Amino acid sequence: EAREERLRMPVSVQAHHALMDGLHAGRYFQRLQTLLDEWEN
């Protein structure tokens, strides 16, 4: 049985809540995932 291999890369973000909130962090991670998915293909 063939297994799909995936690359894993730890990512973290530190931000002051007065400058950004969870919505912005979520958008950042969604965009990063999209870019990585496109790069992978």
C-alpha atoms as a PDB file:
ATOM      1  CA  GLU A   1       0.000   0.000   0.000  1.00  0.00           C
ATOM      2  CA  ALA A   2       1.450   3.364  -1.047  1.00  0.00           C
ATOM      3  CA  ARG A   3       1.430   6.113   1.560  1.00  0.00           C
ATOM      4  CA  GLU A   4       1.223   9.761   0.707  1.00  0.00           C
ATOM      5  CA  GLU A   5       4.251  11.551   2.115  1.00  0.00           C
ATOM      6  CA  ARG A   6       3.721  15.056   3.449  1.00  0.00           C
ATOM      7  CA  LEU A   7       6.195  17.659   4.473  1.00  0.00           C
ATOM      8  CA  ARG A   8       5.603  19.144   7.916  1.00  0.00           C
ATOM      9  CA  MET A   9       6.878  22.534   8.988  1.00  0.00           C
ATOM     10  CA  PRO A  10       6.200  24.048  12.400  1.00  0.00           C
ATOM     11  CA  VAL A  11       4.965  27.636  12.228  1.00  0.00           C
ATOM     12  CA  SER A  12       4.183  30.021  15.055  1.00  0.00           C
ATOM     13  CA  VAL A  13       3.045  33.610  15.306  1.00  0.00           C
ATOM     14  CA  GLN A  14       3.392  36.036  18.177  1.00  0.00           C
ATOM     15  CA  ALA A  15       1.336  39.199  18.042  1.00  0.00           C
ATOM     16  CA  HIS A  16       0.096  41.849  20.410  1.00  0.00           C
ATOM     17  CA  HIS A  17      -3.690  41.707  20.671  1.00  0.00           C
ATOM     18  CA  ALA A  18      -3.956  45.494  20.296  1.00  0.00           C
ATOM     19  CA  LEU A  19      -2.512  45.168  16.779  1.00  0.00           C
ATOM     20  CA  MET A  20      -4.166  41.987  15.542  1.00  0.00           C
ATOM     21  CA  ASP A  21      -6.740  39.469  16.576  1.00  0.00           C
ATOM     22  CA  GLY A  22      -7.677  35.881  15.960  1.00  0.00           C
ATOM     23  CA  LEU A  23      -9.389  36.776  12.700  1.00  0.00           C
ATOM     24  CA  HIS A  24      -6.145  38.164  11.284  1.00  0.00           C
ATOM     25  CA  ALA A  25      -4.115  35.207  12.536  1.00  0.00           C
ATOM     26  CA  GLY A  26      -6.635  32.817  10.993  1.00  0.00           C
ATOM     27  CA  ARG A  27      -6.470  34.606   7.652  1.00  0.00           C
ATOM     28  CA  TYR A  28      -2.677  34.491   7.775  1.00  0.00           C
ATOM     29  CA  PHE A  29      -2.625  30.725   8.355  1.00  0.00           C
ATOM     30  CA  GLN A  30      -5.253  30.105   5.659  1.00  0.00           C
ATOM     31  CA  ARG A  31      -3.236  32.107   3.138  1.00  0.00           C
ATOM     32  CA  LEU A  32       0.000  30.377   4.141  1.00  0.00           C
ATOM     33  CA  GLN A  33      -1.639  26.963   3.726  1.00  0.00           C
ATOM     34  CA  THR A  34      -2.992  27.948   0.295  1.00  0.00           C
ATOM     35  CA  LEU A  35       0.449  29.092  -0.850  1.00  0.00           C
ATOM     36  CA  LEU A  36       2.084  25.904   0.421  1.00  0.00           C
ATOM     37  CA  ASP A  37      -0.567  23.726  -1.245  1.00  0.00           C
ATOM     38  CA  GLU A  38       0.007  25.519  -4.568  1.00  0.00           C
ATOM     39  CA  TRP A  39       3.785  25.160  -4.230  1.00  0.00           C
ATOM     40  CA  GLU A  40       3.436  21.449  -3.519  1.00  0.00           C
ATOM     41  CA  ASN A  41       1.547  20.879  -6.782  1.00  0.00           C
END
